[in-house]
Amino acid sequence: MPDFVEIVEMGPRDGLQNEKRLIPTAEKIALVDALGKAGFRRIEVASFVSPKWVPQMADGAAVMAGMTRAPGVRYMALTPNLKGY
């Protein structure tokens, strides 16, 4: 077993991207902020994919811009390719 394991919280991206109800941007920001305050050191916030295929991630830039960055936390976004998939 390794001496160190890094856990990446992916709920704001992977957990929300398939929700049928459109989650408001403010709720996504609140989730990311709460995860940072809870002590997560790595958080995958959004995915910059085509909103045609993943409408839930259409506000990724707004979420990244609106969240409060906690000291010592790395925030990430999934960027599959230039075509958006």
C-alpha atoms as a PDB file:
ATOM      1  CA  MET A   1       0.000   0.000   0.000  1.00  0.00           C
ATOM      2  CA  PRO A   2       1.370   3.461  -0.831  1.00  0.00           C
ATOM      3  CA  ASP A   3       2.326   5.892   1.917  1.00  0.00           C
ATOM      4  CA  PHE A   4       0.144   8.597   0.396  1.00  0.00           C
ATOM      5  CA  VAL A   5      -3.245   8.497  -1.314  1.00  0.00           C
ATOM      6  CA  GLU A   6      -4.693  11.587  -2.955  1.00  0.00           C
ATOM      7  CA  ILE A   7      -8.482  11.788  -3.010  1.00  0.00           C
ATOM      8  CA  VAL A   8     -10.092  13.989  -5.650  1.00  0.00           C
ATOM      9  CA  GLU A   9     -13.679  15.048  -4.926  1.00  0.00           C
ATOM     10  CA  MET A  10     -15.550  14.923  -8.236  1.00  0.00           C
ATOM     11  CA  GLY A  11     -19.133  15.498  -7.092  1.00  0.00           C
ATOM     12  CA  PRO A  12     -19.555  19.005  -8.529  1.00  0.00           C
ATOM     13  CA  ARG A  13     -18.627  17.720 -11.985  1.00  0.00           C
ATOM     14  CA  ASP A  14     -19.257  13.987 -12.224  1.00  0.00           C
ATOM     15  CA  GLY A  15     -22.048  13.904  -9.686  1.00  0.00           C
ATOM     16  CA  LEU A  16     -24.076  16.756 -11.152  1.00  0.00           C
ATOM     17  CA  GLN A  17     -23.539  16.322 -14.890  1.00  0.00           C
ATOM     18  CA  ASN A  18     -26.273  13.698 -15.280  1.00  0.00           C
ATOM     19  CA  GLU A  19     -28.912  15.319 -13.098  1.00  0.00           C
ATOM     20  CA  LYS A  20     -32.165  15.806 -14.983  1.00  0.00           C
ATOM     21  CA  ARG A  21     -33.086  18.982 -13.060  1.00  0.00           C
ATOM     22  CA  LEU A  22     -30.908  21.918 -14.073  1.00  0.00           C
ATOM     23  CA  ILE A  23     -28.900  22.837 -10.977  1.00  0.00           C
ATOM     24  CA  PRO A  24     -28.618  26.629 -10.565  1.00  0.00           C
ATOM     25  CA  THR A  25     -25.130  28.097 -10.761  1.00  0.00           C
ATOM     26  CA  ALA A  26     -25.406  29.497  -7.225  1.00  0.00           C
ATOM     27  CA  GLU A  27     -26.099  25.997  -5.846  1.00  0.00           C
ATOM     28  CA  LYS A  28     -23.048  24.594  -7.631  1.00  0.00           C
ATOM     29  CA  ILE A  29     -20.899  27.385  -6.243  1.00  0.00           C
ATOM     30  CA  ALA A  30     -22.254  26.743  -2.736  1.00  0.00           C
ATOM     31  CA  LEU A  31     -21.418  23.029  -3.086  1.00  0.00           C
ATOM     32  CA  VAL A  32     -17.849  23.727  -4.198  1.00  0.00           C
ATOM     33  CA  ASP A  33     -17.355  26.245  -1.379  1.00  0.00           C
ATOM     34  CA  ALA A  34     -18.719  23.780   1.194  1.00  0.00           C
ATOM     35  CA  LEU A  35     -16.406  21.020  -0.034  1.00  0.00           C
ATOM     36  CA  GLY A  36     -13.414  23.333   0.274  1.00  0.00           C
ATOM     37  CA  LYS A  37     -14.439  24.293   3.811  1.00  0.00           C
ATOM     38  CA  ALA A  38     -14.943  20.607   4.672  1.00  0.00           C
ATOM     39  CA  GLY A  39     -11.262  19.963   4.014  1.00  0.00           C
ATOM     40  CA  PHE A  40     -11.125  18.483   0.529  1.00  0.00           C
ATOM     41  CA  ARG A  41      -7.769  19.426  -1.022  1.00  0.00           C
ATOM     42  CA  ARG A  42      -8.601  18.532  -4.647  1.00  0.00           C
ATOM     43  CA  ILE A  43     -11.986  19.319  -6.200  1.00  0.00           C
ATOM     44  CA  GLU A  44     -13.050  18.768  -9.794  1.00  0.00           C
ATOM     45  CA  VAL A  45     -15.483  21.631 -10.285  1.00  0.00           C
ATOM     46  CA  ALA A  46     -16.697  21.570 -13.875  1.00  0.00           C
ATOM     47  CA  SER A  47     -16.310  20.170 -17.345  1.00  0.00           C
ATOM     48  CA  PHE A  48     -15.776  22.328 -20.404  1.00  0.00           C
ATOM     49  CA  VAL A  49     -17.728  20.167 -22.817  1.00  0.00           C
ATOM     50  CA  SER A  50     -20.369  21.009 -25.371  1.00  0.00           C
ATOM     51  CA  PRO A  51     -23.559  22.218 -23.639  1.00  0.00           C
ATOM     52  CA  LYS A  52     -25.401  20.394 -26.407  1.00  0.00           C
ATOM     53  CA  TRP A  53     -24.234  17.073 -24.934  1.00  0.00           C
ATOM     54  CA  VAL A  54     -23.911  18.014 -21.250  1.00  0.00           C
ATOM     55  CA  PRO A  55     -26.235  20.972 -20.551  1.00  0.00           C
ATOM     56  CA  GLN A  56     -25.575  20.760 -16.811  1.00  0.00           C
ATOM     57  CA  MET A  57     -21.984  21.934 -17.409  1.00  0.00           C
ATOM     58  CA  ALA A  58     -22.881  24.957 -19.564  1.00  0.00           C
ATOM     59  CA  ASP A  59     -22.143  27.306 -16.648  1.00  0.00           C
ATOM     60  CA  GLY A  60     -18.712  25.868 -15.827  1.00  0.00           C
ATOM     61  CA  ALA A  61     -16.886  29.161 -16.344  1.00  0.00           C
ATOM     62  CA  ALA A  62     -19.385  30.987 -14.126  1.00  0.00           C
ATOM     63  CA  VAL A  63     -18.971  28.398 -11.368  1.00  0.00           C
ATOM     64  CA  MET A  64     -15.170  28.640 -11.561  1.00  0.00           C
ATOM     65  CA  ALA A  65     -15.367  32.452 -11.456  1.00  0.00           C
ATOM     66  CA  GLY A  66     -17.916  32.590  -8.631  1.00  0.00           C
ATOM     67  CA  MET A  67     -16.477  30.156  -6.122  1.00  0.00           C
ATOM     68  CA  THR A  68     -14.393  31.204  -3.141  1.00  0.00           C
ATOM     69  CA  ARG A  69     -10.963  29.646  -3.399  1.00  0.00           C
ATOM     70  CA  ALA A  70      -9.881  28.085  -0.117  1.00  0.00           C
ATOM     71  CA  PRO A  71      -6.178  28.156   0.750  1.00  0.00           C
ATOM     72  CA  GLY A  72      -4.404  24.900  -0.069  1.00  0.00           C
ATOM     73  CA  VAL A  73      -7.166  23.565  -2.319  1.00  0.00           C
ATOM     74  CA  ARG A  74      -6.580  22.760  -5.992  1.00  0.00           C
ATOM     75  CA  TYR A  75      -9.610  23.231  -8.199  1.00  0.00           C
ATOM     76  CA  MET A  76      -9.780  21.387 -11.505  1.00  0.00           C
ATOM     77  CA  ALA A  77     -11.968  21.178 -14.579  1.00  0.00           C
ATOM     78  CA  LEU A  78     -12.269  18.411 -17.133  1.00  0.00           C
ATOM     79  CA  THR A  79     -11.349  19.506 -20.649  1.00  0.00           C
ATOM     80  CA  PRO A  80     -11.712  16.488 -22.953  1.00  0.00           C
ATOM     81  CA  ASN A  81     -10.661  18.057 -26.287  1.00  0.00           C
ATOM     82  CA  LEU A  82     -11.182  21.100 -28.488  1.00  0.00           C
ATOM     83  CA  LYS A  83     -14.397  19.652 -29.945  1.00  0.00           C
ATOM     84  CA  GLY A  84     -15.978  19.382 -26.492  1.00  0.00           C
ATOM     85  CA  TYR A  85     -16.178  15.594 -26.097  1.00  0.00           C
END
